[in-house]
Protein backbone atom coordinates (compact mmCIF):
# COMPACT_ATOMS: atom_id res chain seq x y z
CA MET A 1 20.02 27.35 18.66
CA MET A 2 18.12 24.51 20.38
CA LYS A 3 15.77 24.21 17.41
CA ASN A 4 18.72 23.85 15.02
CA ILE A 5 20.25 21.14 17.18
CA LEU A 6 16.92 19.33 17.27
CA ASN A 7 16.54 19.51 13.51
CA ILE A 8 20.03 18.12 12.99
CA PHE A 9 19.32 15.30 15.44
CA LEU A 10 16.07 14.37 13.72
CA VAL A 11 17.71 14.34 10.31
CA LEU A 12 20.51 12.10 11.61
CA MET A 13 17.99 9.70 13.15
CA VAL A 14 16.09 9.40 9.88
CA VAL A 15 19.30 8.84 7.91
CA ILE A 16 20.54 6.18 10.33
CA SER A 17 17.23 4.32 10.53
CA SER A 18 16.75 4.36 6.77
CA TYR A 19 20.26 3.44 5.66
CA SER A 20 19.76 -0.32 5.27
CA CYS A 21 16.75 0.21 3.01
CA LYS A 22 18.16 3.19 1.14
CA LYS A 23 17.67 1.53 -2.23
CA PHE A 24 13.93 1.85 -1.68
CA LEU A 25 13.78 5.00 0.40
CA ASP A 26 15.46 7.62 -1.73
CA LEU A 27 12.22 8.76 -3.35
CA GLN A 28 11.82 12.25 -1.98
CA PRO A 29 8.42 13.86 -2.48
CA VAL A 30 8.42 16.84 -4.80
CA ASP A 31 6.43 20.04 -4.38
CA GLN A 32 6.83 20.13 -0.61
CA ILE A 33 7.12 23.28 1.42
CA GLY A 34 9.21 23.20 4.57
CA GLU A 35 7.63 23.81 7.96
CA ASP A 36 9.46 27.10 8.27
CA VAL A 37 7.48 28.50 5.32
CA ALA A 38 4.07 29.95 6.20
CA LEU A 39 1.24 28.47 4.14
CA ASP A 40 -0.38 31.86 3.65
CA THR A 41 -1.37 31.70 -0.02
CA LYS A 42 -3.42 29.39 -2.20
CA ASP A 43 -0.30 28.44 -4.18
CA LYS A 44 1.70 27.41 -1.12
CA ILE A 45 -1.20 25.43 0.34
CA GLU A 46 -1.77 23.53 -2.88
CA ARG A 47 1.93 22.79 -3.25
CA ALA A 48 1.90 21.39 0.28
CA LEU A 49 -1.14 19.30 -0.64
CA VAL A 50 0.71 17.84 -3.62
CA GLY A 51 3.53 17.07 -1.21
CA ALA A 52 1.10 15.09 0.96
CA TYR A 53 0.09 12.94 -2.02
CA ASN A 54 3.73 12.36 -2.86
CA GLN A 55 4.54 11.37 0.71
CA LEU A 56 1.61 8.96 0.66
CA GLY A 57 3.11 7.32 -2.41
CA GLN A 58 6.72 7.18 -1.23
CA GLY A 59 8.64 3.92 -1.46
CA ASN A 60 8.44 3.60 2.31
CA TYR A 61 4.62 3.69 2.38
CA TYR A 62 2.28 2.82 -0.49
CA GLY A 63 5.23 2.75 -2.88
CA PHE A 64 6.46 -0.50 -1.31
CA GLU A 65 7.57 -0.85 2.32
CA TRP A 66 4.21 -0.77 4.13
CA MET A 67 2.46 -2.92 1.51
CA ASN A 68 5.34 -5.41 1.64
CA ALA A 69 5.16 -5.62 5.44
CA VAL A 70 1.44 -6.38 5.16
CA TRP A 71 1.36 -8.89 2.31
CA LEU A 72 4.34 -10.90 3.58
CA GLY A 73 2.18 -12.16 6.44
CA ASP A 74 -0.76 -13.37 4.34
CA GLY A 75 0.67 -16.61 2.97
CA ASP A 76 0.56 -15.60 -0.69
CA VAL A 77 3.84 -13.67 -0.88
CA VAL A 78 7.16 -15.25 0.14
CA PRO A 79 10.62 -13.70 0.62
CA PHE A 80 13.48 -14.92 -1.56
CA GLY A 81 16.46 -12.77 -0.71
CA ALA A 82 16.05 -9.90 1.74
CA GLY A 83 17.43 -11.64 4.82
CA THR A 84 15.89 -11.22 8.24
CA THR A 85 13.93 -8.07 7.36
CA ASP A 86 11.29 -9.79 5.25
CA LEU A 87 11.49 -13.06 7.18
CA GLN A 88 10.25 -11.33 10.34
CA PHE A 89 6.99 -10.41 8.64
CA TYR A 90 6.69 -13.71 6.78
CA ASN A 91 7.18 -15.76 9.97
CA HIS A 92 5.19 -13.37 12.19
CA THR A 93 8.22 -12.81 14.39
CA ILE A 94 8.48 -9.03 14.07
CA VAL A 95 10.68 -7.27 16.59
CA PRO A 96 10.05 -3.68 17.73
CA SER A 97 13.55 -2.68 16.59
CA SER A 98 12.70 -3.64 12.99
CA ASN A 99 13.81 -0.90 10.63
CA THR A 100 10.69 -1.51 8.53
CA ILE A 101 8.41 -0.87 11.51
CA SER A 102 10.16 2.44 12.19
CA ILE A 103 9.97 3.37 8.51
CA ASN A 104 6.24 2.60 8.33
CA TRP A 105 5.43 4.62 11.45
CA GLN A 106 7.54 7.63 10.51
CA SER A 107 6.20 7.73 6.96
CA MET A 108 2.58 7.61 8.06
CA TYR A 109 2.99 10.38 10.61
CA GLN A 110 4.91 12.49 8.10
CA VAL A 111 1.86 12.37 5.84
CA ILE A 112 -0.43 13.20 8.75
CA ASN A 113 1.66 16.20 9.71
CA GLN A 114 1.64 17.40 6.11
CA THR A 115 -2.16 17.14 5.98
CA ASN A 116 -2.50 18.80 9.38
CA ASN A 117 -0.51 21.73 8.05
CA VAL A 118 -2.77 21.98 5.01
CA ILE A 119 -5.96 21.67 7.07
CA SER A 120 -4.82 24.37 9.50
CA ALA A 121 -3.70 26.66 6.69
CA VAL A 122 -6.93 26.37 4.70
CA ARG A 123 -9.09 27.06 7.72
CA GLY A 124 -7.06 30.12 8.68
CA ASN A 125 -6.40 31.52 5.22
CA SER A 126 -7.61 34.93 4.02
CA ASP A 127 -6.12 34.98 0.51
CA PRO A 128 -8.74 36.89 -1.57
CA GLY A 129 -7.76 34.88 -4.64
CA TYR A 130 -8.68 31.63 -2.91
CA SER A 131 -12.32 30.86 -3.72
CA SER A 132 -14.61 28.98 -1.36
CA ASN A 133 -14.86 26.07 -3.83
CA GLU A 134 -11.09 25.83 -3.98
CA ARG A 135 -10.81 25.96 -0.20
CA ASN A 136 -13.42 23.25 0.23
CA ASN A 137 -11.75 21.04 -2.33
CA ASP A 138 -8.28 21.40 -0.82
CA LEU A 139 -9.58 20.89 2.70
CA GLY A 140 -11.57 17.84 1.62
CA GLN A 141 -8.54 16.27 -0.05
CA ALA A 142 -6.38 16.78 3.04
CA LEU A 143 -9.06 15.29 5.30
CA PHE A 144 -9.41 12.29 2.99
CA ILE A 145 -5.67 11.63 3.05
CA ARG A 146 -5.52 12.00 6.83
CA GLY A 147 -8.47 9.63 7.20
CA LEU A 148 -6.81 7.06 4.95
CA VAL A 149 -3.53 7.20 6.87
CA TYR A 150 -5.16 6.89 10.28
CA PHE A 151 -7.18 3.95 8.95
CA ASP A 152 -3.91 2.27 7.90
CA LEU A 153 -2.26 3.12 11.21
CA ALA A 154 -5.20 1.77 13.20
CA ARG A 155 -5.44 -1.60 11.48
CA THR A 156 -1.65 -2.03 11.38
CA PHE A 157 -0.79 -1.14 14.96
CA GLY A 158 -4.13 -1.32 16.78
CA GLY A 159 -6.36 -3.88 15.13
CA THR A 160 -9.24 -4.13 12.69
CA LYS A 161 -12.00 -3.45 15.22
CA ALA A 162 -13.08 -0.29 17.05
CA THR A 163 -12.43 -1.40 20.62
CA SER A 164 -11.15 0.04 23.87
CA ASP A 165 -7.72 -1.45 23.12
CA LEU A 166 -4.91 1.05 22.68
CA CYS A 167 -4.21 2.05 19.10
CA VAL A 168 -2.06 4.98 17.98
CA PRO A 169 -1.80 8.64 19.02
CA LEU A 170 -4.30 10.97 17.38
CA ILE A 171 -2.47 14.11 16.33
CA LEU A 172 -4.79 16.59 14.67
CA GLN A 173 -2.73 19.77 14.76
CA PRO A 174 0.55 20.60 12.96
CA THR A 175 3.69 19.57 14.82
CA ARG A 176 6.44 22.17 14.85
CA GLY A 177 9.31 21.62 17.24
CA LEU A 178 9.04 20.15 20.73
CA ASP A 179 6.48 21.18 23.34
CA LYS A 180 4.18 19.51 25.86
CA ASP A 181 2.11 18.05 22.99
CA SER A 182 5.11 16.38 21.37
CA TYR A 183 4.81 13.27 23.52
CA PRO A 184 1.27 12.00 22.95
CA ALA A 185 -0.13 8.83 24.48
CA ARG A 186 -2.03 6.25 22.48
CA ASN A 187 -5.74 6.73 21.82
CA THR A 188 -8.10 3.79 21.79
CA CYS A 189 -9.00 2.02 18.57
CA ALA A 190 -12.56 3.28 18.98
CA GLU A 191 -11.33 6.87 19.15
CA VAL A 192 -9.09 6.50 16.10
CA TYR A 193 -11.73 4.83 13.95
CA THR A 194 -14.25 7.47 15.03
CA GLN A 195 -11.84 10.17 13.86
CA VAL A 196 -11.36 8.38 10.55
CA GLY A 197 -15.12 8.43 10.09
CA LYS A 198 -15.30 12.14 10.94
CA ASP A 199 -12.54 13.01 8.49
CA LEU A 200 -14.18 11.01 5.71
CA ASP A 201 -17.65 12.42 6.43
CA SER A 202 -16.25 15.95 6.18
CA ALA A 203 -14.25 15.11 3.07
CA GLU A 204 -17.32 13.63 1.38
CA MET A 205 -19.29 16.81 2.05
CA LEU A 206 -16.52 19.16 0.89
CA LEU A 207 -15.32 17.34 -2.21
CA SER A 208 -16.97 17.49 -5.59
CA LEU A 209 -17.75 14.77 -8.09
CA SER A 210 -14.86 14.32 -10.48
CA ASP A 211 -13.35 11.75 -12.82
CA ASN A 212 -9.81 12.65 -11.71
CA ARG A 213 -8.58 9.34 -10.31
CA ASN A 214 -5.27 10.62 -8.93
CA VAL A 215 -6.74 12.88 -6.25
CA ALA A 216 -9.38 12.52 -3.57
CA THR A 217 -12.92 13.02 -4.84
CA LYS A 218 -16.38 12.74 -3.34
CA MET A 219 -16.73 9.15 -4.57
CA ALA A 220 -13.27 8.26 -3.24
CA ALA A 221 -14.38 9.41 0.21
CA THR A 222 -17.60 7.41 -0.13
CA ALA A 223 -15.64 4.32 -1.21
CA LEU A 224 -13.24 4.57 1.71
CA LYS A 225 -16.20 5.01 4.06
CA ALA A 226 -17.62 1.78 2.63
CA ARG A 227 -14.37 -0.01 3.48
CA LEU A 228 -14.32 1.52 6.96
CA ASN A 229 -17.86 0.42 7.70
CA LEU A 230 -17.11 -3.08 6.45
CA TYR A 231 -14.33 -3.30 9.05
CA LEU A 232 -16.64 -1.91 11.72
CA GLU A 233 -19.32 -4.43 10.71
CA ASN A 234 -21.88 -1.74 10.02
CA TRP A 235 -23.33 -3.95 7.32
CA SER A 236 -26.29 -1.89 6.11
CA VAL A 237 -24.18 1.29 5.99
CA ALA A 238 -21.38 -0.48 4.10
CA GLU A 239 -23.91 -1.83 1.62
CA GLN A 240 -25.48 1.58 1.05
CA LEU A 241 -22.14 3.33 0.56
CA ALA A 242 -20.85 0.68 -1.84
CA THR A 243 -24.10 0.94 -3.80
CA THR A 244 -23.63 4.71 -4.12
CA VAL A 245 -20.25 4.19 -5.77
CA ILE A 246 -21.38 1.28 -7.96
CA SER A 247 -24.32 3.37 -9.19
CA ASP A 248 -22.08 6.25 -10.24
CA ASN A 249 -21.51 5.97 -13.98
CA THR A 250 -18.01 7.42 -13.63
CA TYR A 251 -16.80 3.91 -12.84
CA GLY A 252 -16.93 0.57 -14.64
CA LEU A 253 -15.15 -2.76 -14.40
CA VAL A 254 -12.23 -3.12 -16.80
CA ILE A 255 -12.28 -5.94 -19.35
CA PRO A 256 -9.95 -7.72 -19.85
CA PHE A 257 -8.51 -7.84 -16.35
CA GLU A 258 -4.97 -7.29 -17.69
CA ASN A 259 -5.86 -3.71 -18.60
CA LEU A 260 -5.78 -2.93 -14.87
CA ILE A 261 -2.07 -3.72 -15.08
CA THR A 262 -1.12 -2.27 -18.44
CA GLN A 263 -3.21 0.89 -18.35
CA LYS A 264 -3.31 3.77 -15.89
CA ASN A 265 -6.40 5.55 -14.58
CA THR A 266 -8.89 3.11 -16.04
CA SER A 267 -12.63 3.39 -15.51
CA GLU A 268 -12.31 0.97 -12.58
CA ALA A 269 -9.95 3.14 -10.53
CA ILE A 270 -11.53 5.30 -7.84
CA PHE A 271 -8.32 6.53 -6.22
CA GLU A 272 -4.99 5.73 -7.84
CA LEU A 273 -1.55 6.90 -6.76
CA SER A 274 0.28 8.17 -9.82
CA TYR A 275 3.95 7.47 -10.45
CA SER A 276 6.26 8.85 -13.11
CA SER A 277 9.92 9.27 -13.98
CA VAL A 278 10.06 11.85 -11.17
CA GLN A 279 7.99 10.05 -8.50
CA GLN A 280 8.90 6.35 -8.78
CA ASN A 281 8.58 3.14 -6.78
CA PRO A 282 10.58 -0.12 -6.64
CA LEU A 283 7.65 -2.53 -7.03
CA SER A 284 8.69 -4.16 -10.29
CA TYR A 285 12.32 -4.30 -9.16
CA VAL A 286 11.56 -6.33 -6.03
CA PHE A 287 9.30 -8.78 -7.85
CA LEU A 288 10.94 -9.38 -11.24
CA PRO A 289 13.60 -12.12 -11.55
CA THR A 290 17.26 -11.27 -11.97
CA SER A 291 17.01 -12.52 -15.56
CA MET A 292 14.71 -9.54 -16.15
CA SER A 293 16.97 -7.08 -14.29
CA GLY A 294 14.93 -7.32 -11.11
CA GLN A 295 16.02 -8.19 -7.58
CA TYR A 296 13.63 -11.14 -7.11
CA ARG A 297 13.33 -10.22 -3.45
CA ILE A 298 9.78 -11.52 -3.07
CA GLY A 299 7.35 -13.55 -5.11
CA PRO A 300 4.20 -15.70 -5.15
CA SER A 301 3.90 -18.74 -2.89
CA ASN A 302 3.43 -22.19 -4.39
CA ASN A 303 -0.03 -22.44 -2.87
CA PHE A 304 -1.09 -19.15 -4.42
CA LEU A 305 0.36 -20.16 -7.79
CA SER A 306 -1.72 -23.34 -7.83
CA LEU A 307 -4.87 -21.32 -7.21
CA ILE A 308 -4.30 -18.37 -9.53
CA ASN A 309 -3.38 -20.73 -12.39
CA ASN A 310 -6.53 -22.79 -11.88
CA PRO A 311 -8.97 -21.59 -14.59
CA SER A 312 -11.97 -22.11 -12.30
CA ILE A 313 -10.44 -19.96 -9.56
CA GLY A 314 -8.01 -17.46 -11.05
CA GLY A 315 -9.41 -17.20 -14.54
CA ASP A 316 -7.96 -14.26 -16.47
CA ARG A 317 -6.23 -13.06 -13.32
CA LYS A 318 -3.51 -15.63 -13.91
CA ILE A 319 -1.84 -12.83 -15.87
CA MET A 320 -0.63 -11.51 -12.49
CA VAL A 321 1.96 -14.29 -12.37
CA ALA A 322 4.43 -15.59 -14.93
CA VAL A 323 7.53 -17.80 -15.26
CA ASP A 324 10.88 -16.67 -16.63
CA PRO A 325 12.95 -18.81 -19.07
CA ALA A 326 14.81 -20.34 -16.11
CA GLY A 327 11.55 -21.55 -14.61
CA ASN A 328 11.30 -18.95 -11.85
CA PRO A 329 7.70 -17.96 -11.05
CA TYR A 330 7.22 -14.28 -10.36
CA CYS A 331 4.63 -11.59 -9.79
CA ASN A 332 3.79 -10.03 -13.14
CA LYS A 333 1.54 -7.31 -11.77
CA TYR A 334 4.23 -4.62 -11.59
CA ARG A 335 6.19 -4.56 -14.81
CA SER A 336 7.65 -1.23 -15.85
CA LEU A 337 11.23 -1.71 -14.71
CA ALA A 338 13.54 1.23 -15.30
CA THR A 339 17.32 1.02 -15.44
CA THR A 340 17.57 2.68 -12.03
CA GLY A 341 15.74 -0.15 -10.28
CA GLN A 342 12.67 2.08 -9.96
CA SER A 343 9.49 2.11 -12.00
CA ASP A 344 6.37 4.15 -12.66
CA ASP A 345 3.74 1.47 -11.97
CA ASP A 346 0.69 3.10 -10.43
CA VAL A 347 -0.83 1.83 -7.17
CA ILE A 348 -4.62 1.60 -7.06
CA VAL A 349 -5.83 2.26 -3.53
CA LEU A 350 -9.58 2.08 -4.24
CA ARG A 351 -11.33 0.50 -7.18
CA LEU A 352 -14.79 -0.59 -8.23
CA ALA A 353 -14.26 -4.35 -7.82
CA GLU A 354 -13.76 -3.78 -4.10
CA MET A 355 -17.12 -2.02 -3.88
CA TYR A 356 -18.89 -5.06 -5.36
CA LEU A 357 -17.16 -7.38 -2.90
CA ILE A 358 -17.82 -5.05 0.04
CA ARG A 359 -21.50 -5.02 -0.87
CA ALA A 360 -21.48 -8.79 -1.30
CA GLU A 361 -19.99 -9.31 2.17
CA ALA A 362 -22.34 -6.79 3.75
CA ARG A 363 -25.30 -8.54 2.14
CA ALA A 364 -24.07 -11.95 3.29
CA ASN A 365 -24.02 -10.70 6.86
CA GLN A 366 -27.62 -9.59 6.40
CA ASN A 367 -28.63 -13.04 5.06
CA ASN A 368 -29.21 -11.74 1.52
CA VAL A 369 -27.65 -14.67 -0.35
CA SER A 370 -29.22 -13.83 -3.72
CA GLY A 371 -27.83 -10.30 -3.48
CA VAL A 372 -24.42 -11.72 -2.65
CA LEU A 373 -24.41 -13.94 -5.72
CA SER A 374 -25.39 -11.01 -7.94
CA ASP A 375 -22.34 -9.00 -6.83
CA LEU A 376 -19.93 -11.90 -6.50
CA ASN A 377 -20.69 -13.23 -9.96
CA VAL A 378 -20.15 -9.82 -11.58
CA ILE A 379 -16.54 -10.08 -10.44
CA ARG A 380 -16.19 -13.76 -11.31
CA GLN A 381 -17.63 -13.30 -14.80
CA ARG A 382 -15.29 -10.38 -15.50
CA SER A 383 -12.36 -12.78 -15.02
CA HIS A 384 -14.09 -15.67 -16.82
CA VAL A 385 -14.49 -17.76 -13.68
CA PRO A 386 -17.59 -19.98 -13.38
CA VAL A 387 -20.39 -18.34 -11.43
CA SER A 388 -20.97 -19.27 -7.82
CA VAL A 389 -24.08 -21.28 -6.97
CA ALA A 390 -23.51 -21.27 -3.19
CA SER A 391 -26.73 -21.34 -1.22
CA THR A 392 -25.77 -20.71 2.40
CA VAL A 393 -24.32 -17.68 4.18
CA SER A 394 -21.23 -19.60 5.29
CA ASP A 395 -20.56 -20.77 1.74
CA VAL A 396 -20.94 -17.36 0.14
CA LEU A 397 -18.70 -15.80 2.79
CA LEU A 398 -16.01 -18.31 1.92
CA ASN A 399 -16.54 -17.54 -1.76
CA ILE A 400 -16.07 -13.83 -1.03
CA GLU A 401 -12.89 -14.50 0.94
CA ASN A 402 -11.43 -16.52 -1.91
CA GLU A 403 -12.52 -13.99 -4.52
CA ARG A 404 -10.86 -11.15 -2.62
CA ARG A 405 -7.72 -13.29 -2.42
CA MET A 406 -7.54 -13.58 -6.20
CA GLU A 407 -8.83 -10.13 -7.10
CA PHE A 408 -6.51 -8.20 -4.76
CA ALA A 409 -3.39 -10.36 -5.01
CA PHE A 410 -0.16 -8.43 -4.34
CA GLU A 411 -2.15 -5.66 -2.67
CA PRO A 412 -2.41 -5.01 1.10
CA PHE A 413 -5.78 -6.72 1.67
CA ARG A 414 -5.64 -10.40 2.64
CA TRP A 415 -3.76 -10.05 5.94
CA PHE A 416 -6.37 -7.64 7.28
CA ASP A 417 -9.23 -9.64 5.76
CA LEU A 418 -8.23 -12.79 7.62
CA ILE A 419 -7.92 -10.91 10.91
CA ARG A 420 -11.20 -8.99 10.73
CA THR A 421 -13.18 -12.13 9.75
CA ASN A 422 -11.53 -14.25 12.47
CA ARG A 423 -10.24 -16.65 9.84
CA ILE A 424 -6.53 -16.20 10.38
CA GLY A 425 -6.16 -19.14 12.76
CA THR A 426 -7.95 -21.52 10.42
CA VAL A 427 -6.19 -20.34 7.27
CA LEU A 428 -2.68 -19.51 8.46
CA GLY A 429 -2.57 -21.36 11.77
CA LEU A 430 -1.74 -18.12 13.57
CA THR A 431 -3.56 -18.16 16.91
CA ASP A 432 -1.47 -15.73 18.98
CA LYS A 433 -3.68 -12.62 18.91
CA ASN A 434 -0.73 -10.47 19.90
CA LYS A 435 0.67 -11.11 16.43
CA PHE A 436 -2.42 -9.73 14.72
CA VAL A 437 -0.94 -6.24 15.07
CA PHE A 438 2.57 -4.92 14.52
CA PRO A 439 4.69 -3.67 17.42
CA LEU A 440 5.20 0.03 17.89
CA PRO A 441 8.74 1.06 16.92
CA ALA A 442 11.21 0.63 19.76
CA SER A 443 12.71 4.01 18.90
CA GLU A 444 9.34 5.72 19.43
CA ILE A 445 8.80 3.99 22.78
CA LEU A 446 12.28 5.09 23.86
CA ALA A 447 11.74 8.70 22.78
CA ASN A 448 8.21 9.07 24.15
CA GLY A 449 7.64 7.89 27.70
CA ASN A 450 3.86 8.21 27.24
CA LEU A 451 3.77 5.45 24.60
CA THR A 452 3.25 1.85 25.64
CA GLN A 453 4.13 -1.24 23.60
CA ASN A 454 1.60 -3.71 22.21
CA PRO A 455 1.28 -6.88 24.33
CA GLY A 456 3.57 -9.72 23.36
CA TYR A 457 6.37 -7.49 22.13
């Protein structure tokens, strides 16, 4: 009886907290199995794993809401018509009661719980039809997803460095109902980033090489480890890992750049979230002008427009912006608008261009300027931008920062880049370090007395 009451309460809380963003949050993952169903066969485990991927790609995580919360703070994306919700992130005045904050947190931990269920089920399964290779592959994929989500949680709510500062709770076992473990305290950032590394190390060992770009593979785990070690400033490790991916002939830079937008699962994609008429996202709807049946909720800033349209800076990447007949500039990266206000634009989480720029930055921090230019100019030449001839470490680091800004426009990169490189004060004028992380949701603080709020909120 108590469990039923609890379930009803939780459902009501989710409905209430999500109501104002319902347009973007009605994308329910398919192929899920409820927690009351035992994952005791290969089929059930793999259906639950598919559910984890679909939760990862929901409109309230990688499908829009989390990415929007991140890129609104970086100076390149501006809000046009979503009221106070988007303005909080744009002006760095987020309040703990923000519905978006609650949505982000809940969505991330939903994915974690789904992966925890899969991980527990695989390790305890005795299905004779479940081969060791299949077990390893499924376990590796779940560990990769969990590592990715904790990485996102850590940098969003805890910071971009592995420090003794409080981060987020580490929950590594399935959550079913309420017990003494249902009210976890926050772990340190060092502990969370260490766990991310452990998950990715295990995933890399368990997964096989594959050219399937819509699921976790060995190279996807290696690529995410390269990103992790860049954040942790393990320069030689980041360089080595990026080199491993670059050297794998499964991947190649796409030419022209526009093919990254118009084509799915290109040779450049390492891990790409797939969307379809069943699993959709609202990305094109929020960016496209009303004259194109979009909402025009957000769009490119004037400063960004001046840069991306400069042939010596943006080059071919200027295709990511356009102007409608009424003169309204808009993001042209997400295009496949459906009549429902949803689309099937894919979201690339990891791609080869990032590996070149990770290696370039790692080399710069090891005083290898010639190596930096080799990697940096591969990316610049792909977009028909003049090669860099910078000769000092400080100059090449600035070149890398600007190249990442162009290359990963309308992706959740620049906000974190400016924080981890200590450039956010110079570039955005944001000097209050408390604002470098998001607040924990007020609803979570209220429900869990062991959670503490981030300073300044």
